[in-house]
Amino acid sequence: MVRVRFAPSPTGFLHIGSARSALFNRLFARHEKGSFLLRIEDTDKVRSKDEFLEEILASLKWLGMEPDEPLIFQSERLDLYKKTAERLLKEDKAYKEENAIRFKMPKKKIKFNDICRGEIEFDSEVLKDEVLIKSDGFPTYNFACVIDDADMKITHVIRGDDHISNTPKQIAIYEALRLPIPKFAHIPLIMGPDGGRLSKRHGATSIMEYRQMGYLPDTLVNFLALMGWAPGGDREILPVKDIIKEFTLEKVNKTSAIFNIDKLNWFNGQYIKDKDSKELLELLMPFLKKGGIIGEDFDREKLLRLVELYKVRMKTLADFAGYVKVFYTDNIDRDPEAVKKHLENGKSKTNLIEWRRRLAKTASFDKDSIEENCRSTAAELHIKPADLIHPARVAISGTTAGAGLFEMMEILGRETVFRRIDEATGANR
């Protein structure tokens, strides 16, 4: 049975590149009906922190990538590493040097067939004898990795191609210990738009930062799956069950994937738009409370109407608070340029005051009645409806962009709309 693992070090937060490696491992395991395991490589006692471990586990859980078996911690397996190193010493395959144990690298050609890249060959003549146990008693990465993968019965090692140079060293250790060698698949790294390594300058890199910025977990899973892999055709928006069905390591690209924040925003917008409004409302609540838009008591029905109105416009959950702030404040900051263009231009104010007068006579203040009144008023004034719509939008929202004006006016209500028009036109002075 296929068994794969993701092995993060708790020396930093889970970033996009590592999350993609974890995802590819899990997708492959699910496609092959195998197991996805998680090993914590915490032998760096100086840099390993509990806060990083907690964040890594929380990020994986949020992305739906919890392991199928209990966690394994390298720090709890030190005796196993030392025992194995002692065995290599006894077999004259290693030697001691200044309280460290070094592996005698055999001088030969080391070949392996990489699932993603084909056959790769190294000449071990250029490889130094590998340290197995450091002078502080802790194992090196390559040694612990081999022991753990063998002990966990890992069948496939799927990781970034920055590990390719480690593979011949690990194969040599596998062979020295007469352990079964797993299959290797090295996936290209994710690069920034400028072709350099992905970093902070390209935007947030930790998974929790993306969560705090208002991205959905389904978005990131879909987006990351397509960074270096494609299902064929022009399909992009794919639920995880469909990705699992299609995913194979042979389809992984050999070239680096380029991180594109605009593409990520597009993906997120699509997932937000397709989400059930009631479910979306619950996801938006923390952002609204953090932004001071709502408190503990609020009109849920009004908020749900706003979700329906703005879900097609949002790129991130954080966008929503900015969109709806105008519905929860009496202080409207009107854009000076918009005021100049749409309220102080010709007869804009006069026309808007006239429309406000006619609206006051309507029995209903729903969007259809408001629109009908707008169009009939424009016709009688021999102007275009836009000549009323643009000034009204600036008057009630302070900007020229937003959701449909008539829907906004209905939700704001007659009293608020009239008060804002009066303030903007000076009709109340």
Protein backbone atom coordinates (compact mmCIF):
# COMPACT_ATOMS: atom_id res chain seq x y z
CA MET A 1 0.00 0.00 0.00
CA VAL A 2 1.19 3.53 -0.81
CA ARG A 3 2.46 5.43 2.21
CA VAL A 4 3.72 9.01 1.95
CA ARG A 5 4.72 11.61 4.49
CA PHE A 6 5.10 15.32 4.96
CA ALA A 7 7.96 16.18 7.30
CA PRO A 8 8.05 19.85 8.38
CA SER A 9 10.52 21.34 10.83
CA PRO A 10 8.87 23.52 13.52
CA THR A 11 11.46 26.25 12.99
CA GLY A 12 9.07 28.56 11.15
CA PHE A 13 5.51 28.92 9.95
CA LEU A 14 4.03 26.75 7.19
CA HIS A 15 4.57 28.62 3.95
CA ILE A 16 3.11 28.23 0.48
CA GLY A 17 5.87 26.02 -0.90
CA SER A 18 5.74 23.54 1.97
CA ALA A 19 1.95 23.49 1.91
CA ARG A 20 2.08 22.58 -1.78
CA SER A 21 4.47 19.70 -0.99
CA ALA A 22 2.11 18.47 1.73
CA LEU A 23 -0.81 18.75 -0.67
CA PHE A 24 0.87 16.77 -3.44
CA ASN A 25 1.67 14.02 -0.94
CA ARG A 26 -1.90 13.89 0.28
CA LEU A 27 -3.42 14.02 -3.22
CA PHE A 28 -1.20 11.14 -4.31
CA ALA A 29 -2.08 9.11 -1.20
CA ARG A 30 -5.78 9.66 -1.72
CA HIS A 31 -5.58 8.86 -5.45
CA GLU A 32 -3.77 5.61 -4.65
CA LYS A 33 -6.02 4.88 -1.64
CA GLY A 34 -2.93 4.98 0.55
CA SER A 35 -1.93 6.75 3.78
CA PHE A 36 -0.72 10.29 4.41
CA LEU A 37 1.57 10.62 7.45
CA LEU A 38 3.07 13.56 9.28
CA ARG A 39 6.55 13.54 10.81
CA ILE A 40 7.83 16.48 12.85
CA GLU A 41 11.56 16.98 12.29
CA ASP A 42 12.31 18.75 15.56
CA THR A 43 15.93 17.83 16.22
CA ASP A 44 17.05 21.46 15.95
CA LYS A 45 16.46 22.20 19.61
CA VAL A 46 17.54 25.84 19.33
CA ARG A 47 15.20 26.86 16.51
CA SER A 48 12.28 24.47 17.06
CA LYS A 49 9.38 26.23 18.79
CA ASP A 50 5.99 25.04 20.04
CA GLU A 51 4.32 28.08 18.47
CA PHE A 52 5.58 27.04 15.04
CA LEU A 53 4.40 23.46 15.56
CA GLU A 54 0.94 24.65 16.61
CA GLU A 55 0.72 26.93 13.59
CA ILE A 56 1.82 24.18 11.19
CA LEU A 57 -0.75 21.73 12.57
CA ALA A 58 -3.51 24.37 12.55
CA SER A 59 -2.67 25.31 8.96
CA LEU A 60 -2.78 21.69 7.78
CA LYS A 61 -6.07 21.14 9.58
CA TRP A 62 -7.55 24.29 8.00
CA LEU A 63 -6.51 23.02 4.57
CA GLY A 64 -8.08 19.63 5.26
CA MET A 65 -4.75 17.79 5.39
CA GLU A 66 -4.70 16.05 8.76
CA PRO A 67 -2.58 12.87 8.88
CA ASP A 68 -4.05 9.37 8.81
CA GLU A 69 -1.88 8.14 11.71
CA PRO A 70 -0.51 9.68 14.94
CA LEU A 71 2.28 12.24 14.66
CA ILE A 72 5.88 11.08 14.80
CA PHE A 73 8.48 13.31 16.47
CA GLN A 74 12.14 12.86 15.65
CA SER A 75 13.11 14.19 19.07
CA GLU A 76 11.53 11.07 20.59
CA ARG A 77 13.59 8.72 18.41
CA LEU A 78 17.17 9.67 19.29
CA ASP A 79 17.99 6.23 20.68
CA LEU A 80 16.99 4.63 17.37
CA TYR A 81 19.33 6.91 15.41
CA LYS A 82 22.25 6.28 17.77
CA LYS A 83 21.66 2.53 17.72
CA THR A 84 21.60 2.49 13.93
CA ALA A 85 24.76 4.60 13.70
CA GLU A 86 26.53 2.21 16.11
CA ARG A 87 25.57 -0.65 13.82
CA LEU A 88 27.24 1.10 10.87
CA LEU A 89 30.32 1.63 13.02
CA LYS A 90 30.48 -2.07 13.83
CA GLU A 91 30.13 -2.94 10.14
CA ASP A 92 32.97 -0.52 9.29
CA LYS A 93 30.64 1.58 7.19
CA ALA A 94 31.11 4.60 9.42
CA TYR A 95 33.77 6.08 11.67
CA LYS A 96 34.10 8.47 14.58
CA GLU A 97 35.57 11.91 14.13
CA GLU A 98 35.70 14.48 16.93
CA ASN A 99 32.72 12.99 18.79
CA ALA A 100 30.70 12.81 15.56
CA ILE A 101 29.92 9.72 13.51
CA ARG A 102 30.58 9.92 9.77
CA PHE A 103 29.33 7.61 7.04
CA LYS A 104 31.89 6.21 4.60
CA MET A 105 30.48 7.30 1.27
CA PRO A 106 31.00 4.46 -1.25
CA LYS A 107 32.72 5.53 -4.46
CA LYS A 108 30.41 4.60 -7.29
CA LYS A 109 27.67 5.84 -9.60
CA ILE A 110 24.34 6.29 -7.85
CA LYS A 111 21.30 6.24 -10.11
CA PHE A 112 17.62 6.58 -9.37
CA ASN A 113 14.51 6.99 -11.48
CA ASP A 114 12.69 10.11 -10.42
CA ILE A 115 8.95 9.86 -11.14
CA CYS A 116 8.78 13.52 -12.16
CA ARG A 117 12.19 13.96 -13.79
CA GLY A 118 13.23 10.58 -15.14
CA GLU A 119 16.62 8.98 -14.53
CA ILE A 120 19.12 10.95 -12.47
CA GLU A 121 22.73 9.92 -11.90
CA PHE A 122 25.31 11.13 -9.40
CA ASP A 123 28.97 10.28 -9.08
CA SER A 124 29.58 9.71 -5.38
CA GLU A 125 33.27 10.45 -5.94
CA VAL A 126 32.35 14.12 -5.49
CA LEU A 127 30.36 13.50 -2.29
CA LYS A 128 31.99 13.93 1.10
CA ASP A 129 31.60 11.40 3.87
CA GLU A 130 28.22 12.20 5.40
CA VAL A 131 27.87 13.10 9.08
CA LEU A 132 25.29 10.78 10.66
CA ILE A 133 25.37 11.84 14.31
CA LYS A 134 26.66 15.29 15.22
CA SER A 135 28.93 15.91 18.17
CA ASP A 136 25.92 17.06 20.21
CA GLY A 137 24.34 13.61 19.82
CA PHE A 138 21.62 14.67 17.40
CA PRO A 139 21.22 13.11 13.95
CA THR A 140 21.69 14.97 10.68
CA TYR A 141 18.79 15.45 8.29
CA ASN A 142 19.84 12.85 5.75
CA PHE A 143 20.44 10.13 8.32
CA ALA A 144 17.28 10.64 10.38
CA CYS A 145 15.26 10.95 7.20
CA VAL A 146 16.38 7.52 5.97
CA ILE A 147 15.81 5.81 9.32
CA ASP A 148 12.36 7.33 9.74
CA ASP A 149 11.17 6.72 6.19
CA ALA A 150 12.21 3.09 6.43
CA ASP A 151 10.67 2.65 9.89
CA MET A 152 7.42 4.33 8.74
CA LYS A 153 7.38 2.09 5.65
CA ILE A 154 7.23 5.11 3.34
CA THR A 155 6.85 3.95 -0.27
CA HIS A 156 7.15 7.31 -2.05
CA VAL A 157 9.13 10.40 -1.07
CA ILE A 158 7.53 13.47 -2.69
CA ARG A 159 9.36 16.72 -2.02
CA GLY A 160 10.78 19.87 -3.58
CA ASP A 161 13.54 19.57 -6.16
CA ASP A 162 15.88 21.47 -3.84
CA HIS A 163 16.28 18.05 -2.17
CA ILE A 164 17.61 16.31 -5.28
CA SER A 165 21.20 16.64 -4.07
CA ASN A 166 20.25 14.88 -0.82
CA THR A 167 18.82 11.85 -2.60
CA PRO A 168 22.10 10.09 -3.59
CA LYS A 169 23.40 10.51 -0.04
CA GLN A 170 20.22 8.97 1.33
CA ILE A 171 20.25 6.12 -1.20
CA ALA A 172 23.81 5.26 -0.16
CA ILE A 173 22.68 5.05 3.47
CA TYR A 174 19.65 2.93 2.53
CA GLU A 175 21.94 0.51 0.72
CA ALA A 176 24.45 0.38 3.58
CA LEU A 177 21.64 -0.52 5.98
CA ARG A 178 20.11 -2.96 3.48
CA LEU A 179 16.78 -1.13 3.68
CA PRO A 180 14.16 -0.93 0.91
CA ILE A 181 14.58 2.28 -1.09
CA PRO A 182 11.39 4.30 -1.66
CA LYS A 183 10.50 5.84 -4.99
CA PHE A 184 11.36 9.52 -5.34
CA ALA A 185 9.44 12.37 -6.94
CA HIS A 186 11.00 15.82 -6.86
CA ILE A 187 8.58 18.61 -7.69
CA PRO A 188 9.73 21.98 -9.02
CA LEU A 189 9.81 24.89 -6.59
CA ILE A 190 7.33 27.76 -6.63
CA MET A 191 8.92 30.94 -7.92
CA GLY A 192 7.89 34.57 -7.63
CA PRO A 193 6.63 36.56 -10.63
CA ASP A 194 10.15 37.95 -11.08
CA GLY A 195 11.59 34.45 -11.43
CA GLY A 196 13.24 34.49 -7.99
CA ARG A 197 12.47 32.31 -4.99
CA LEU A 198 9.07 33.05 -3.50
CA SER A 199 9.46 35.43 -0.59
CA LYS A 200 7.73 38.07 1.49
CA ARG A 201 8.20 40.66 -1.21
CA HIS A 202 5.74 38.73 -3.38
CA GLY A 203 3.07 38.95 -0.67
CA ALA A 204 2.17 36.84 2.32
CA THR A 205 3.85 33.46 2.36
CA SER A 206 2.57 31.68 5.47
CA ILE A 207 -0.73 29.83 5.22
CA MET A 208 -2.16 31.53 8.30
CA GLU A 209 -1.47 34.93 6.76
CA TYR A 210 -3.60 33.96 3.78
CA ARG A 211 -6.35 32.84 6.13
CA GLN A 212 -6.19 36.15 7.99
CA MET A 213 -6.34 38.01 4.68
CA GLY A 214 -9.62 36.33 3.83
CA TYR A 215 -8.75 33.47 1.50
CA LEU A 216 -10.78 30.26 1.67
CA PRO A 217 -9.11 26.88 2.28
CA ASP A 218 -10.77 25.38 -0.80
CA THR A 219 -9.28 28.22 -2.85
CA LEU A 220 -5.74 27.54 -1.66
CA VAL A 221 -6.04 23.78 -2.18
CA ASN A 222 -7.30 24.27 -5.74
CA PHE A 223 -4.75 27.00 -6.48
CA LEU A 224 -1.79 25.09 -5.06
CA ALA A 225 -2.80 21.88 -6.85
CA LEU A 226 -2.50 23.71 -10.16
CA MET A 227 0.95 25.07 -9.32
CA GLY A 228 3.01 22.51 -11.16
CA TRP A 229 0.22 20.10 -12.08
CA ALA A 230 -2.75 20.24 -14.45
CA PRO A 231 -5.69 17.89 -15.00
CA GLY A 232 -5.76 18.49 -18.74
CA GLY A 233 -8.08 20.66 -20.78
CA ASP A 234 -8.94 24.17 -19.64
CA ARG A 235 -10.34 23.14 -16.26
CA GLU A 236 -9.29 25.30 -13.34
CA ILE A 237 -12.00 25.39 -10.69
CA LEU A 238 -12.00 21.84 -9.35
CA PRO A 239 -13.33 20.45 -6.06
CA VAL A 240 -10.75 18.42 -4.18
CA LYS A 241 -12.52 15.12 -4.92
CA ASP A 242 -12.06 15.76 -8.64
CA ILE A 243 -8.41 16.75 -8.15
CA ILE A 244 -7.81 13.51 -6.25
CA LYS A 245 -9.40 11.51 -9.05
CA GLU A 246 -7.15 13.10 -11.67
CA PHE A 247 -3.91 13.50 -9.74
CA THR A 248 -0.81 11.58 -10.79
CA LEU A 249 2.85 12.38 -10.26
CA GLU A 250 3.55 11.77 -13.95
CA LYS A 251 1.48 14.88 -14.74
CA VAL A 252 3.65 17.13 -12.55
CA ASN A 253 5.51 19.71 -14.63
CA LYS A 254 9.30 19.71 -14.81
CA THR A 255 9.48 23.50 -14.83
CA SER A 256 8.98 25.78 -11.84
CA ALA A 257 5.52 27.09 -11.07
CA ILE A 258 5.06 30.87 -10.97
CA PHE A 259 3.09 32.34 -8.08
CA ASN A 260 0.49 34.83 -9.34
CA ILE A 261 -1.45 36.75 -6.67
CA ASP A 262 -3.94 38.05 -9.25
CA LYS A 263 -4.76 34.47 -10.22
CA LEU A 264 -5.17 33.54 -6.56
CA ASN A 265 -7.57 36.47 -6.10
CA TRP A 266 -9.57 35.34 -9.11
CA PHE A 267 -9.79 31.81 -7.71
CA ASN A 268 -10.91 33.13 -4.33
CA GLY A 269 -13.53 35.35 -5.91
CA GLN A 270 -14.99 32.35 -7.75
CA TYR A 271 -15.16 30.27 -4.57
CA ILE A 272 -16.74 33.12 -2.61
CA LYS A 273 -19.34 33.72 -5.33
CA ASP A 274 -20.32 30.04 -5.40
CA LYS A 275 -20.56 29.67 -1.62
CA ASP A 276 -23.91 29.48 0.15
CA SER A 277 -24.69 32.97 1.51
CA LYS A 278 -25.58 31.79 5.00
CA GLU A 279 -22.35 29.80 5.25
CA LEU A 280 -20.42 32.75 3.84
CA LEU A 281 -21.96 35.06 6.44
CA GLU A 282 -20.52 32.95 9.25
CA LEU A 283 -17.07 33.13 7.67
CA LEU A 284 -17.37 36.92 7.34
CA MET A 285 -18.33 37.55 10.95
CA PRO A 286 -14.77 37.68 12.39
CA PHE A 287 -13.75 40.23 9.74
CA LEU A 288 -16.81 42.39 10.44
CA LYS A 289 -16.23 42.34 14.19
CA LYS A 290 -12.52 43.02 13.80
CA GLY A 291 -13.32 45.98 11.54
CA GLY A 292 -15.81 47.36 14.06
CA ILE A 293 -18.66 47.06 11.56
CA ILE A 294 -20.89 45.06 13.90
CA GLY A 295 -20.97 44.20 17.58
CA GLU A 296 -22.66 41.34 19.38
CA ASP A 297 -26.13 42.57 18.44
CA PHE A 298 -26.81 43.06 14.74
CA ASP A 299 -29.52 42.63 12.13
CA ARG A 300 -28.70 39.23 10.62
CA GLU A 301 -31.29 39.57 7.86
CA LYS A 302 -29.83 42.89 6.72
CA LEU A 303 -26.34 41.44 6.77
CA LEU A 304 -27.45 38.42 4.76
CA ARG A 305 -28.93 40.75 2.12
CA LEU A 306 -25.59 42.53 1.93
CA VAL A 307 -23.77 39.22 1.52
CA GLU A 308 -26.06 38.40 -1.41
CA LEU A 309 -25.41 41.84 -2.89
CA TYR A 310 -21.62 41.86 -2.58
CA LYS A 311 -20.52 38.22 -2.83
CA VAL A 312 -20.02 38.57 -6.58
CA ARG A 313 -17.65 41.49 -6.00
CA MET A 314 -15.43 40.13 -3.24
CA LYS A 315 -11.97 38.77 -3.93
CA THR A 316 -11.24 38.08 -0.26
CA LEU A 317 -13.41 37.87 2.85
CA ALA A 318 -11.62 40.97 4.14
CA ASP A 319 -13.05 43.00 1.25
CA PHE A 320 -16.56 42.75 2.63
CA ALA A 321 -16.06 45.03 5.62
CA GLY A 322 -14.93 47.84 3.33
CA TYR A 323 -17.90 47.35 1.02
CA VAL A 324 -20.56 47.41 3.73
CA LYS A 325 -19.13 50.04 6.04
CA VAL A 326 -21.31 52.62 4.32
CA PHE A 327 -24.39 50.75 5.59
CA TYR A 328 -23.29 51.00 9.21
CA THR A 329 -22.15 54.59 9.60
CA ASP A 330 -23.65 58.06 9.45
CA ASN A 331 -20.34 59.62 8.39
CA ILE A 332 -19.83 59.38 4.63
CA ASP A 333 -16.40 60.30 3.28
CA ARG A 334 -17.22 61.44 -0.23
CA ASP A 335 -14.44 61.24 -2.80
CA PRO A 336 -13.66 64.87 -3.79
CA GLU A 337 -13.05 63.91 -7.41
CA ALA A 338 -16.36 62.03 -7.56
CA VAL A 339 -18.18 64.98 -5.99
CA LYS A 340 -16.65 67.39 -8.49
CA LYS A 341 -17.48 65.17 -11.47
CA HIS A 342 -20.97 64.02 -10.56
CA LEU A 343 -22.44 66.45 -8.02
CA GLU A 344 -20.97 69.81 -8.98
CA ASN A 345 -21.37 69.35 -12.70
CA GLY A 346 -24.11 71.34 -14.46
CA LYS A 347 -27.56 70.57 -13.12
CA SER A 348 -26.56 67.42 -11.23
CA LYS A 349 -27.63 68.70 -7.84
CA THR A 350 -30.86 70.20 -9.16
CA ASN A 351 -31.77 66.97 -10.92
CA LEU A 352 -30.92 64.88 -7.86
CA ILE A 353 -33.04 67.13 -5.61
CA GLU A 354 -35.96 66.71 -8.03
CA TRP A 355 -35.59 62.93 -8.01
CA ARG A 356 -35.48 62.94 -4.24
CA ARG A 357 -38.73 64.96 -4.21
CA ARG A 358 -40.45 62.47 -6.49
CA LEU A 359 -39.11 59.48 -4.52
CA ALA A 360 -40.65 60.94 -1.37
CA LYS A 361 -44.08 60.47 -2.93
CA THR A 362 -43.64 56.74 -3.63
CA ALA A 363 -45.53 54.30 -1.45
CA SER A 364 -42.87 51.59 -1.73
CA PHE A 365 -39.10 51.89 -1.40
CA ASP A 366 -37.99 48.57 -2.88
CA LYS A 367 -35.40 48.38 -5.65
CA ASP A 368 -37.93 47.88 -8.44
CA SER A 369 -40.01 50.89 -7.38
CA ILE A 370 -36.87 53.02 -7.00
CA GLU A 371 -35.61 52.03 -10.46
CA GLU A 372 -38.98 52.71 -12.09
CA ASN A 373 -39.12 56.12 -10.44
CA CYS A 374 -35.57 56.90 -11.55
CA ARG A 375 -36.28 56.07 -15.17
CA SER A 376 -39.58 57.97 -15.31
CA THR A 377 -37.98 61.01 -13.66
CA ALA A 378 -35.07 60.95 -16.13
CA ALA A 379 -37.49 60.73 -19.05
CA GLU A 380 -39.51 63.73 -17.82
CA LEU A 381 -36.35 65.75 -17.22
CA HIS A 382 -35.06 64.77 -20.68
CA ILE A 383 -31.85 63.31 -19.25
CA LYS A 384 -30.32 59.84 -19.12
CA PRO A 385 -30.96 57.65 -16.03
CA ALA A 386 -27.17 57.68 -15.52
CA ASP A 387 -27.40 61.44 -14.90
CA LEU A 388 -29.36 60.60 -11.75
CA ILE A 389 -27.68 57.33 -10.84
CA HIS A 390 -24.10 58.64 -10.67
CA PRO A 391 -24.83 61.69 -8.48
CA ALA A 392 -27.08 59.60 -6.23
CA ARG A 393 -24.40 56.97 -5.78
CA VAL A 394 -21.83 59.58 -4.76
CA ALA A 395 -24.34 61.20 -2.42
CA ILE A 396 -25.30 58.04 -0.56
CA SER A 397 -22.03 56.05 -0.66
CA GLY A 398 -19.31 58.62 -1.32
CA THR A 399 -17.88 56.78 -4.33
CA THR A 400 -18.61 55.99 -7.96
CA ALA A 401 -18.23 52.21 -7.63
CA GLY A 402 -20.17 49.57 -5.78
CA ALA A 403 -23.14 47.28 -5.99
CA GLY A 404 -26.35 48.13 -7.81
CA LEU A 405 -27.58 51.56 -6.69
CA PHE A 406 -31.23 50.60 -6.37
CA GLU A 407 -30.40 47.57 -4.23
CA MET A 408 -28.18 49.74 -2.03
CA MET A 409 -30.94 52.32 -1.61
CA GLU A 410 -33.49 49.67 -0.63
CA ILE A 411 -31.19 48.23 2.07
CA LEU A 412 -30.22 51.67 3.39
CA GLY A 413 -33.87 52.66 3.63
CA ARG A 414 -35.81 55.78 2.71
CA GLU A 415 -34.84 57.90 5.71
CA THR A 416 -31.07 57.31 5.37
CA VAL A 417 -31.07 57.79 1.58
CA PHE A 418 -32.97 61.09 1.81
CA ARG A 419 -30.76 62.38 4.62
CA ARG A 420 -27.60 61.65 2.64
CA ILE A 421 -28.94 63.22 -0.53
CA ASP A 422 -29.92 66.31 1.44
CA GLU A 423 -26.44 66.50 2.98
CA ALA A 424 -24.72 66.12 -0.39
CA THR A 425 -26.90 68.62 -2.26
CA GLY A 426 -27.31 71.17 0.57
CA ALA A 427 -31.07 70.81 0.24
CA ASN A 428 -31.42 70.72 4.01
CA ARG A 429 -29.67 74.03 4.52
